[in-house]
Amino acid sequence: MPFENENTYIKMVENGKENSFHAGYEENLETVKSLFDKEYPNIVVEDVFEQEKMPHISPIDGKTVVGKFQMSSKETSEKAIAIARQSYRNWYNKGYISRSLVFLRAADLMSERKFEFAALLTYENGKNRYEAMGDVDEAIDFMRYYALQLIENEGYIKFTGTAYDGEDSKSVMKPYGVFLVISPFNFFSITVGMTTGPLLVGNSVILKPSSDIPLSSYKFIRLLHEAGVPKENLFFISGSGGRVGRTLYTDDRVDGIVFTGSREIGMKIFRESQERRPKIAVTEMGGKDTIIVTDKCNIDKAAEGVARSAFGYSGQKCSACSLALIDRKIYNSFKVKLVEFSRKLAVDDPRKKEAYTGPVINKDAYSKFTRIMAEVPKEKILLGGKTLGRDGYFVENTILDNVGNPDIERVELFLPILALKPVDSLREAVDLVNSMDYGLTGGIFTEDRKEIEYYFNNADVGVIYANRRRGGSTGAMVGSQPFVGWKFSGTSGKGTGSFYYLQQFLREQAQTIVR
């Protein structure tokens, strides 16, 4: 069975079914409302309800209660760890074919319910229909791709050479035991991929999702149980990261942590989780993603690629372009083209068909935008800079002109704020990219092959593109662009959606039989 990306919207448009796409999504915008304002339990084999609850509010209006979730107790977390530890070998011993078939079944189930998941994501984290469906597609892709990788690699069992007559040896990759997954708000697919990796190869997994996207994560865990993952091997624990997460990641019975989020929190988890024993840490901690535009570019292509990367999903992608380095010779003309194109990208209710950018995720992000813009001189604002006077957490797509502020030009903001900076040469631009603490994604716009070659050979960045109009630093596809962070952006050097990914959750055992 060859792998093929789900790619729902593109395929439906190509098959003349664009109207069906919109109809399916809009129908589910109404039906998912039946899930709202209900209480959802933790899942520790059985449903577990706690004394303290957490309401999850939609960023679209700042009012709609998507669901009420549990603030997990220490006792619940410890119970999950104990059961996970006791039962992981039973799951591993089912064999890699059996486990892979479970995940292929789960991918099919999610594909059947893709419009429901996409509509739910719009309410949960504010994505428009195209971004939301792309997110669900990627989640499906992760499950299928990893399952097929495990089958293709025969469970990572390899017969080795023989040093002595009468000996048969092999290398067997085996699970560690228990992995904790701490997932972000911005991509449901990241939650799915981070959970699938360690679980598929035979570990037990405890998922602690972001408090800003708990309902889709909850429904994903229910779907995996329906597909055949034993409840003793997969758990859903909700709550704040500081209270609930720390209880989980500092426990010695947890063998590894899979984390996507901020550098500050990621480094804190990395340090505190290792205090008493070494643990596997597979982390992605953001990026300060930069696009270089040289004087040999197609300026229209570059303006579109930079704008789409900067403002897709309100700049809340780890791969979003937040700094563009422009050759000084075309700096002024590029600014005009960029602003002209960016004005076309509508900031609106993400449920609307024409919305390109929706709200930022929560009140904290909204307030952060306000604080940053209060410090920027008005003459440096080429576009945007304001909040919108409406319900929800809506802010304008913003372009800043050579502000010279390191807090804007070097720090990940996770907002629809794009800083422009002129440079005198490609070498200067690449040196600036390499001086960043992060190295997740980046891109270049130039029609000169030698400039592309120089950039590819010298940029210390995990995922790089040349002349990508659909997104100059965004849009990695499972099976095509492994998504990997260098420097502070990641700890393992292996990417998601890559043939190396699953091996991070396995340890090698050498087995020898003497005949």
Protein backbone atom coordinates (compact mmCIF):
# COMPACT_ATOMS: atom_id res chain seq x y z
CA MET A 1 0.00 0.00 0.00
CA PRO A 2 1.82 3.17 -1.15
CA PHE A 3 1.49 6.30 0.97
CA GLU A 4 -0.59 9.15 -0.44
CA ASN A 5 -1.31 12.50 1.22
CA GLU A 6 -4.98 13.05 2.13
CA ASN A 7 -5.01 16.62 0.70
CA THR A 8 -8.80 16.95 0.85
CA TYR A 9 -9.44 20.45 -0.47
CA ILE A 10 -7.04 20.22 -3.42
CA LYS A 11 -8.40 16.83 -4.50
CA MET A 12 -12.03 17.94 -4.21
CA VAL A 13 -11.33 21.08 -6.27
CA GLU A 14 -9.52 19.01 -8.92
CA ASN A 15 -12.50 16.64 -9.07
CA GLY A 16 -15.03 19.46 -9.44
CA LYS A 17 -16.35 19.07 -5.88
CA GLU A 18 -15.41 22.39 -4.30
CA ASN A 19 -19.05 23.13 -3.47
CA SER A 20 -19.29 19.79 -1.68
CA PHE A 21 -16.25 20.73 0.37
CA HIS A 22 -17.88 23.94 1.56
CA ALA A 23 -21.23 22.26 2.16
CA GLY A 24 -19.66 19.46 4.23
CA TYR A 25 -17.71 21.90 6.36
CA GLU A 26 -20.63 24.29 6.90
CA GLU A 27 -22.98 21.47 7.85
CA ASN A 28 -20.55 20.34 10.52
CA LEU A 29 -20.13 23.90 11.83
CA GLU A 30 -23.71 23.46 13.04
CA THR A 31 -23.63 19.83 14.14
CA VAL A 32 -20.50 20.15 16.33
CA LYS A 33 -22.31 22.71 18.49
CA SER A 34 -24.04 19.74 20.12
CA LEU A 35 -20.68 18.93 21.73
CA PHE A 36 -20.33 22.33 23.40
CA ASP A 37 -20.75 23.33 27.05
CA LYS A 38 -20.53 19.72 28.24
CA GLU A 39 -18.20 18.22 30.82
CA TYR A 40 -15.49 15.90 29.51
CA PRO A 41 -13.63 13.43 31.71
CA ASN A 42 -10.06 12.32 31.92
CA ILE A 43 -9.60 8.85 30.46
CA VAL A 44 -7.62 6.51 32.72
CA VAL A 45 -9.10 3.21 31.51
CA GLU A 46 -12.38 4.49 32.93
CA ASP A 47 -13.80 8.03 32.87
CA VAL A 48 -12.45 10.11 35.73
CA PHE A 49 -14.03 13.34 37.00
CA GLU A 50 -12.19 15.74 39.30
CA GLN A 51 -13.39 18.37 41.75
CA GLU A 52 -11.84 21.28 39.84
CA LYS A 53 -12.91 22.06 36.23
CA MET A 54 -11.46 24.17 33.41
CA PRO A 55 -13.77 25.86 30.89
CA HIS A 56 -12.42 25.99 27.33
CA ILE A 57 -13.52 29.20 25.58
CA SER A 58 -13.56 29.68 21.79
CA PRO A 59 -11.27 32.47 20.54
CA ILE A 60 -13.84 33.37 17.87
CA ASP A 61 -16.05 35.30 20.30
CA GLY A 62 -14.34 34.89 23.70
CA LYS A 63 -17.65 33.60 25.09
CA THR A 64 -18.65 30.21 23.70
CA VAL A 65 -17.79 27.42 26.14
CA VAL A 66 -16.52 24.64 23.89
CA GLY A 67 -16.27 22.27 26.85
CA LYS A 68 -15.50 21.87 30.53
CA PHE A 69 -12.42 19.80 31.27
CA GLN A 70 -10.87 18.32 34.38
CA MET A 71 -8.03 19.85 36.36
CA SER A 72 -6.38 16.52 37.01
CA SER A 73 -5.32 15.53 40.49
CA LYS A 74 -1.94 14.08 41.36
CA GLU A 75 -3.66 10.78 42.19
CA THR A 76 -5.19 10.52 38.71
CA SER A 77 -1.85 11.24 37.02
CA GLU A 78 -0.03 8.68 39.16
CA LYS A 79 -2.69 6.06 38.48
CA ALA A 80 -2.29 6.58 34.72
CA ILE A 81 1.48 6.19 34.97
CA ALA A 82 1.19 2.99 37.02
CA ILE A 83 -1.22 1.33 34.58
CA ALA A 84 0.79 2.48 31.56
CA ARG A 85 3.96 1.03 33.06
CA GLN A 86 2.39 -2.35 33.86
CA SER A 87 0.76 -2.86 30.48
CA TYR A 88 3.09 -1.58 27.74
CA ARG A 89 4.64 -5.02 27.06
CA ASN A 90 1.20 -6.49 26.31
CA TRP A 91 0.72 -3.83 23.63
CA TYR A 92 4.22 -4.32 22.20
CA ASN A 93 3.80 -8.10 22.10
CA LYS A 94 0.77 -7.82 19.83
CA GLY A 95 3.37 -7.37 17.09
CA TYR A 96 4.15 -4.56 14.70
CA ILE A 97 1.71 -5.71 12.00
CA SER A 98 -1.20 -5.72 14.44
CA ARG A 99 -0.30 -2.29 15.83
CA SER A 100 0.13 -0.84 12.35
CA LEU A 101 -3.28 -2.12 11.26
CA VAL A 102 -4.85 -0.40 14.29
CA PHE A 103 -3.43 2.93 13.17
CA LEU A 104 -4.40 2.42 9.54
CA ARG A 105 -7.93 1.77 10.82
CA ALA A 106 -7.75 4.93 12.94
CA ALA A 107 -6.67 6.95 9.90
CA ASP A 108 -9.66 5.64 7.95
CA LEU A 109 -12.02 6.54 10.81
CA MET A 110 -10.66 10.07 10.98
CA SER A 111 -10.92 10.40 7.21
CA GLU A 112 -14.61 9.49 7.45
CA ARG A 113 -15.09 12.20 10.14
CA LYS A 114 -12.73 14.81 8.72
CA PHE A 115 -15.35 17.53 8.32
CA GLU A 116 -16.42 17.15 11.94
CA PHE A 117 -12.83 17.47 13.17
CA ALA A 118 -12.15 20.45 10.88
CA ALA A 119 -15.26 22.33 12.04
CA LEU A 120 -14.38 21.62 15.66
CA LEU A 121 -10.87 23.02 15.15
CA THR A 122 -12.33 26.27 13.83
CA TYR A 123 -14.17 26.75 17.11
CA GLU A 124 -11.30 25.49 19.26
CA ASN A 125 -8.29 27.31 17.87
CA GLY A 126 -9.70 29.73 15.30
CA LYS A 127 -8.50 28.20 12.03
CA ASN A 128 -10.31 28.95 8.80
CA ARG A 129 -11.80 26.03 6.89
CA TYR A 130 -8.78 25.54 4.63
CA GLU A 131 -6.23 25.58 7.46
CA ALA A 132 -8.47 23.38 9.64
CA MET A 133 -8.97 20.75 6.96
CA GLY A 134 -5.27 20.82 6.14
CA ASP A 135 -4.55 20.20 9.80
CA VAL A 136 -6.89 17.18 9.91
CA ASP A 137 -5.42 15.89 6.65
CA GLU A 138 -1.94 16.04 8.16
CA ALA A 139 -3.15 14.14 11.23
CA ILE A 140 -4.47 11.38 8.96
CA ASP A 141 -1.22 11.44 6.99
CA PHE A 142 0.88 10.98 10.14
CA MET A 143 -1.02 7.86 11.19
CA ARG A 144 -0.86 6.28 7.75
CA TYR A 145 2.73 7.24 7.01
CA TYR A 146 4.13 6.00 10.32
CA ALA A 147 2.14 2.75 10.17
CA LEU A 148 3.42 2.06 6.66
CA GLN A 149 6.97 2.95 7.73
CA LEU A 150 6.81 0.42 10.56
CA ILE A 151 5.58 -2.29 8.19
CA GLU A 152 8.16 -1.42 5.54
CA ASN A 153 10.97 -1.63 8.11
CA GLU A 154 9.62 -4.94 9.48
CA GLY A 155 9.31 -3.60 13.00
CA TYR A 156 12.97 -2.50 12.98
CA ILE A 157 14.20 -6.07 13.44
CA LYS A 158 17.38 -6.78 11.47
CA PHE A 159 19.52 -9.89 11.28
CA THR A 160 23.17 -9.02 11.76
CA GLY A 161 26.50 -10.57 10.89
CA THR A 162 27.95 -13.67 12.58
CA ALA A 163 31.35 -13.43 14.26
CA TYR A 164 31.50 -17.09 15.32
CA ASP A 165 30.23 -20.32 13.82
CA GLY A 166 27.04 -21.55 15.41
CA GLU A 167 25.76 -18.12 16.45
CA ASP A 168 22.70 -16.36 15.06
CA SER A 169 22.36 -12.67 15.94
CA LYS A 170 19.89 -9.91 15.29
CA SER A 171 19.19 -6.34 16.31
CA VAL A 172 15.73 -5.71 17.75
CA MET A 173 14.40 -2.20 18.40
CA LYS A 174 12.18 -2.24 21.48
CA PRO A 175 10.00 0.33 23.26
CA TYR A 176 11.15 2.13 26.41
CA GLY A 177 7.85 1.81 28.24
CA VAL A 178 5.94 5.03 28.97
CA PHE A 179 5.96 8.31 27.05
CA LEU A 180 4.31 11.54 28.09
CA VAL A 181 3.05 13.71 25.22
CA ILE A 182 2.61 17.44 25.91
CA SER A 183 1.06 18.94 22.81
CA PRO A 184 0.48 22.53 21.57
CA PHE A 185 -2.67 24.45 20.63
CA ASN A 186 -1.74 25.40 17.09
CA PHE A 187 -1.76 22.05 15.29
CA PHE A 188 -4.07 19.15 16.03
CA SER A 189 -1.88 17.15 13.64
CA ILE A 190 1.10 17.66 15.95
CA THR A 191 -0.92 16.15 18.79
CA VAL A 192 -1.77 13.19 16.57
CA GLY A 193 1.77 12.70 15.26
CA MET A 194 3.39 13.01 18.70
CA THR A 195 0.97 10.44 20.12
CA THR A 196 1.16 8.05 17.18
CA GLY A 197 4.97 7.78 17.10
CA PRO A 198 5.69 6.30 20.54
CA LEU A 199 2.38 4.41 20.77
CA LEU A 200 2.66 2.71 17.38
CA VAL A 201 6.05 1.17 18.20
CA GLY A 202 4.82 -0.37 21.45
CA ASN A 203 5.04 2.21 24.22
CA SER A 204 2.17 3.33 26.42
CA VAL A 205 1.28 7.02 26.01
CA ILE A 206 -0.21 9.62 28.33
CA LEU A 207 -1.50 12.65 26.42
CA LYS A 208 -1.62 16.01 28.21
CA PRO A 209 -2.96 18.36 25.52
CA SER A 210 -2.88 22.13 25.46
CA SER A 211 -5.67 23.67 27.50
CA ASP A 212 -6.56 25.67 24.36
CA ILE A 213 -7.44 22.63 22.24
CA PRO A 214 -8.65 19.84 24.55
CA LEU A 215 -11.86 18.68 22.85
CA SER A 216 -10.36 17.61 19.51
CA SER A 217 -7.59 15.84 21.47
CA TYR A 218 -10.19 14.08 23.63
CA LYS A 219 -12.09 12.93 20.55
CA PHE A 220 -8.83 11.69 19.00
CA ILE A 221 -8.13 9.49 22.02
CA ARG A 222 -11.65 8.09 21.87
CA LEU A 223 -11.13 7.37 18.16
CA LEU A 224 -7.88 5.46 18.84
CA HIS A 225 -9.61 3.36 21.48
CA GLU A 226 -12.39 2.66 18.97
CA ALA A 227 -9.79 1.63 16.38
CA GLY A 228 -8.25 -0.92 18.74
CA VAL A 229 -5.66 0.73 21.00
CA PRO A 230 -6.14 -0.79 24.48
CA LYS A 231 -7.34 1.65 27.14
CA GLU A 232 -4.54 0.40 29.39
CA ASN A 233 -2.00 1.85 26.96
CA LEU A 234 -3.44 5.26 26.05
CA PHE A 235 -4.60 7.93 28.50
CA PHE A 236 -6.07 11.42 28.33
CA ILE A 237 -5.14 13.80 31.16
CA SER A 238 -6.25 17.44 31.04
CA GLY A 239 -5.10 20.34 33.18
CA SER A 240 -2.60 23.17 33.38
CA GLY A 241 0.97 22.49 32.33
CA GLY A 242 2.47 23.86 35.52
CA ARG A 243 0.45 21.67 37.85
CA VAL A 244 -0.50 18.56 35.92
CA GLY A 245 2.37 18.43 33.44
CA ARG A 246 5.06 18.66 36.10
CA THR A 247 3.56 15.78 38.10
CA LEU A 248 3.78 13.64 34.99
CA TYR A 249 7.16 14.57 33.54
CA THR A 250 9.08 14.39 36.84
CA ASP A 251 7.85 10.89 37.66
CA ASP A 252 10.65 8.32 37.37
CA ARG A 253 8.30 5.78 35.81
CA VAL A 254 7.96 7.98 32.73
CA ASP A 255 10.71 7.04 30.26
CA GLY A 256 10.39 9.86 27.77
CA ILE A 257 8.71 13.15 26.95
CA VAL A 258 7.48 14.39 23.57
CA PHE A 259 6.95 18.13 23.71
CA THR A 260 6.04 20.91 21.30
CA GLY A 261 5.78 24.44 22.62
CA SER A 262 7.82 27.41 23.73
CA ARG A 263 11.56 27.40 24.33
CA GLU A 264 11.10 28.56 27.91
CA ILE A 265 8.72 25.74 28.85
CA GLY A 266 10.59 23.16 26.80
CA MET A 267 13.91 23.86 28.51
CA LYS A 268 12.22 23.82 31.91
CA ILE A 269 10.75 20.39 31.20
CA PHE A 270 14.07 19.15 29.83
CA ARG A 271 15.96 20.20 32.99
CA GLU A 272 13.41 19.14 35.58
CA SER A 273 12.56 15.79 33.99
CA GLN A 274 16.21 14.69 34.05
CA GLU A 275 16.98 15.46 37.70
CA ARG A 276 16.84 11.88 39.00
CA ARG A 277 17.27 9.78 35.86
CA PRO A 278 17.99 10.28 32.16
CA LYS A 279 14.91 10.39 29.94
CA ILE A 280 14.34 10.55 26.21
CA ALA A 281 13.29 14.07 25.20
CA VAL A 282 11.89 14.65 21.73
CA THR A 283 11.12 18.36 21.57
CA GLU A 284 10.25 21.10 19.11
CA MET A 285 10.57 24.53 20.70
CA GLY A 286 9.54 27.01 18.03
CA GLY A 287 11.40 29.14 15.55
CA LYS A 288 12.31 32.62 14.40
CA ASP A 289 11.68 31.79 10.79
CA THR A 290 13.26 34.07 8.21
CA ILE A 291 12.81 34.49 4.48
CA ILE A 292 15.54 36.04 2.33
CA VAL A 293 14.53 38.06 -0.74
CA THR A 294 17.37 38.87 -3.14
CA ASP A 295 17.44 41.39 -5.97
CA LYS A 296 17.26 38.48 -8.42
CA CYS A 297 13.81 37.38 -7.24
CA ASN A 298 10.45 37.40 -8.96
CA ILE A 299 9.09 40.19 -6.77
CA ASP A 300 5.40 39.23 -7.10
CA LYS A 301 6.12 35.63 -6.21
CA ALA A 302 8.24 36.74 -3.25
CA ALA A 303 5.64 39.16 -1.89
CA GLU A 304 2.95 36.48 -1.97
CA GLY A 305 5.18 33.79 -0.45
CA VAL A 306 6.30 36.04 2.42
CA ALA A 307 2.77 37.31 3.17
CA ARG A 308 1.19 33.85 3.17
CA SER A 309 3.90 32.52 5.47
CA ALA A 310 3.61 35.47 7.85
CA PHE A 311 -0.16 35.72 8.18
CA GLY A 312 -1.51 32.20 7.65
CA TYR A 313 -3.23 31.17 10.90
CA SER A 314 -2.45 34.57 12.43
CA GLY A 315 1.30 33.88 12.49
CA GLN A 316 0.74 31.13 15.07
CA LYS A 317 2.68 28.44 13.24
CA CYS A 318 6.11 27.33 14.40
CA SER A 319 7.10 27.80 10.75
CA ALA A 320 5.56 31.27 10.27
CA CYS A 321 7.81 33.90 8.73
CA SER A 322 8.26 36.72 11.24
CA LEU A 323 11.39 38.30 9.72
CA ALA A 324 12.10 39.03 6.05
CA LEU A 325 15.60 40.05 4.98
CA ILE A 326 15.37 42.08 1.78
CA ASP A 327 18.18 43.11 -0.55
CA ARG A 328 18.53 46.86 -0.10
CA LYS A 329 18.42 47.46 -3.87
CA ILE A 330 14.77 46.31 -4.02
CA TYR A 331 13.73 47.08 -0.44
CA ASN A 332 11.34 49.94 -1.23
CA SER A 333 9.72 48.31 -4.25
CA PHE A 334 9.30 45.03 -2.33
CA LYS A 335 7.60 46.84 0.57
CA VAL A 336 5.00 48.25 -1.80
CA LYS A 337 4.26 44.84 -3.35
CA LEU A 338 4.13 43.13 0.03
CA VAL A 339 1.70 45.60 1.57
CA GLU A 340 -0.42 45.51 -1.58
CA PHE A 341 -0.75 41.73 -1.46
CA SER A 342 -1.17 41.54 2.33
CA ARG A 343 -4.17 43.87 2.21
CA LYS A 344 -6.02 41.15 0.29
CA LEU A 345 -5.70 38.66 3.17
CA ALA A 346 -8.93 39.19 5.09
CA VAL A 347 -8.97 39.11 8.88
CA ASP A 348 -12.43 37.85 9.78
CA ASP A 349 -14.55 35.23 11.51
CA PRO A 350 -12.84 31.97 10.47
CA ARG A 351 -16.21 30.35 9.83
CA LYS A 352 -16.60 32.59 6.77
CA LYS A 353 -15.42 31.26 3.42
CA GLU A 354 -13.44 34.41 2.60
CA ALA A 355 -11.52 34.59 5.91
CA TYR A 356 -7.76 34.15 5.53
CA THR A 357 -6.75 35.09 9.07
CA GLY A 358 -8.88 34.45 12.15
CA PRO A 359 -8.35 35.36 15.80
CA VAL A 360 -5.27 34.81 17.91
CA ILE A 361 -5.67 31.96 20.36
CA ASN A 362 -6.56 33.65 23.65
CA LYS A 363 -6.60 36.78 25.78
CA ASP A 364 -2.90 36.44 26.64
CA ALA A 365 -1.91 36.46 22.95
CA TYR A 366 -4.24 39.41 22.31
CA SER A 367 -2.67 41.37 25.20
CA LYS A 368 0.84 40.48 24.03
CA PHE A 369 0.06 41.96 20.60
CA THR A 370 -1.17 45.16 22.24
CA ARG A 371 1.98 45.46 24.41
CA ILE A 372 4.33 44.95 21.46
CA MET A 373 2.56 47.46 19.25
CA ALA A 374 2.55 50.08 22.02
CA GLU A 375 6.37 50.13 21.82
CA VAL A 376 6.61 50.45 18.01
CA PRO A 377 6.87 54.00 16.58
CA LYS A 378 3.87 54.71 14.34
CA GLU A 379 6.07 55.65 11.39
CA LYS A 380 7.48 52.09 11.42
CA ILE A 381 4.06 50.49 10.89
CA LEU A 382 3.52 49.80 7.19
CA LEU A 383 0.31 47.84 7.70
CA GLY A 384 -2.00 46.99 10.59
CA GLY A 385 -0.85 47.43 14.15
CA LYS A 386 -4.27 47.54 15.79
CA THR A 387 -6.73 45.25 17.49
CA LEU A 388 -10.21 44.94 15.99
CA GLY A 389 -13.14 46.27 17.99
CA ARG A 390 -15.24 43.11 18.05
CA ASP A 391 -15.90 40.04 20.16
CA GLY A 392 -13.10 37.50 20.12
CA TYR A 393 -9.35 37.94 19.93
CA PHE A 394 -8.90 39.60 16.53
CA VAL A 395 -5.85 41.68 15.60
CA GLU A 396 -4.66 43.15 12.33
CA ASN A 397 -2.01 41.57 10.13
CA THR A 398 0.98 43.82 10.78
CA ILE A 399 4.11 44.71 8.80
CA LEU A 400 6.93 46.68 10.44
CA ASP A 401 9.62 48.63 8.63
CA ASN A 402 13.19 48.06 9.90
CA VAL A 403 12.34 48.57 13.58
CA GLY A 404 15.82 47.61 14.80
CA ASN A 405 14.31 46.09 17.97
CA PRO A 406 15.91 42.73 18.90
CA ASP A 407 12.80 41.74 20.88
CA ILE A 408 10.91 41.85 17.58
CA GLU A 409 13.63 40.78 15.15
CA ARG A 410 15.12 37.89 17.14
CA VAL A 411 12.41 36.59 19.52
CA GLU A 412 9.59 34.27 18.49
CA LEU A 413 6.35 36.27 18.77
CA PHE A 414 3.70 33.77 17.58
CA LEU A 415 1.56 36.63 16.28
CA PRO A 416 0.72 38.10 12.84
CA ILE A 417 3.65 40.52 13.04
CA LEU A 418 6.20 40.58 10.22
CA ALA A 419 9.39 42.62 10.55
CA LEU A 420 11.29 43.71 7.44
CA LYS A 421 15.03 44.40 7.42
CA PRO A 422 17.28 45.52 4.54
CA VAL A 423 20.56 43.70 3.88
CA ASP A 424 23.45 44.40 1.51
CA SER A 425 24.24 40.84 0.41
CA LEU A 426 23.11 37.23 0.51
CA ARG A 427 26.06 36.39 2.74
CA GLU A 428 24.98 39.01 5.26
CA ALA A 429 21.44 37.61 5.21
CA VAL A 430 22.56 34.01 5.76
CA ASP A 431 24.90 35.12 8.56
CA LEU A 432 21.95 36.82 10.26
CA VAL A 433 19.85 33.65 9.89
CA ASN A 434 22.63 31.56 11.41
CA SER A 435 23.06 33.96 14.31
CA MET A 436 19.53 33.22 15.52
CA ASP A 437 19.01 30.88 18.46
CA TYR A 438 16.45 28.99 16.40
CA GLY A 439 16.70 26.96 13.20
CA LEU A 440 13.32 25.53 12.27
CA THR A 441 12.21 26.74 8.82
CA GLY A 442 13.22 29.37 6.31
CA GLY A 443 13.21 30.27 2.66
CA ILE A 444 14.75 32.25 -0.15
CA PHE A 445 13.30 33.98 -3.20
CA THR A 446 15.71 34.28 -6.10
CA GLU A 447 15.82 33.14 -9.71
CA ASP A 448 19.59 32.61 -9.47
CA ARG A 449 20.48 28.93 -8.98
CA LYS A 450 23.85 29.81 -7.48
CA GLU A 451 22.15 31.89 -4.79
CA ILE A 452 19.83 28.99 -3.98
CA GLU A 453 22.80 26.64 -3.78
CA TYR A 454 24.66 29.03 -1.45
CA TYR A 455 21.63 29.31 0.82
CA PHE A 456 21.00 25.56 0.91
CA ASN A 457 24.67 24.83 1.65
CA ASN A 458 25.09 27.42 4.39
CA ALA A 459 21.80 28.00 6.24
CA ASP A 460 21.66 26.34 9.68
CA VAL A 461 17.96 25.59 9.41
CA GLY A 462 16.08 22.29 9.44
CA VAL A 463 13.46 22.93 6.72
CA ILE A 464 14.23 25.29 3.84
CA TYR A 465 12.46 26.26 0.64
CA ALA A 466 13.28 28.22 -2.51
CA ASN A 467 10.64 30.23 -4.38
CA ARG A 468 7.66 28.64 -2.63
CA ARG A 469 4.79 30.93 -3.50
CA ARG A 470 2.20 28.97 -1.47
CA GLY A 471 4.27 29.71 1.65
CA GLY A 472 7.90 30.77 1.71
CA SER A 473 8.63 29.06 5.04
CA THR A 474 5.43 27.10 5.76
CA GLY A 475 3.51 24.07 4.51
CA ALA A 476 5.66 20.98 5.06
CA MET A 477 3.90 17.84 3.82
CA VAL A 478 4.18 14.42 5.47
CA GLY A 479 6.42 12.17 3.42
CA SER A 480 7.89 15.06 1.41
CA GLN A 481 9.41 17.58 3.83
CA PRO A 482 10.52 16.10 7.18
CA PHE A 483 9.78 18.81 9.75
CA VAL A 484 12.90 19.14 11.87
CA GLY A 485 14.31 21.87 14.11
CA TRP A 486 17.97 22.71 14.58
CA LYS A 487 19.55 24.54 17.52
CA PHE A 488 16.91 25.58 20.08
CA SER A 489 14.14 24.57 17.69
CA GLY A 490 14.64 20.87 18.39
CA THR A 491 16.64 18.37 20.41
CA SER A 492 16.75 15.16 18.40
CA GLY A 493 17.84 16.19 14.91
CA LYS A 494 15.09 13.95 13.49
CA GLY A 495 11.96 15.32 11.83
CA THR A 496 8.27 14.54 12.01
CA GLY A 497 6.85 13.00 8.86
CA SER A 498 10.25 11.40 8.29
CA PHE A 499 11.51 7.85 7.94
CA TYR A 500 13.75 8.46 11.00
CA TYR A 501 10.98 9.59 13.35
CA LEU A 502 9.80 6.29 14.88
CA GLN A 503 13.27 5.16 15.90
CA GLN A 504 13.43 7.93 18.51
CA PHE A 505 10.95 6.00 20.65
CA LEU A 506 12.84 2.71 20.50
CA ARG A 507 16.03 1.32 22.06
CA GLU A 508 18.21 -1.34 20.54
CA GLN A 509 18.66 -4.84 21.91
CA ALA A 510 21.23 -7.27 20.47
CA GLN A 511 20.03 -10.88 20.60
CA THR A 512 22.27 -13.92 19.99
CA ILE A 513 21.36 -17.61 20.00
CA VAL A 514 24.06 -20.29 20.00
CA ARG A 515 22.95 -23.32 18.01
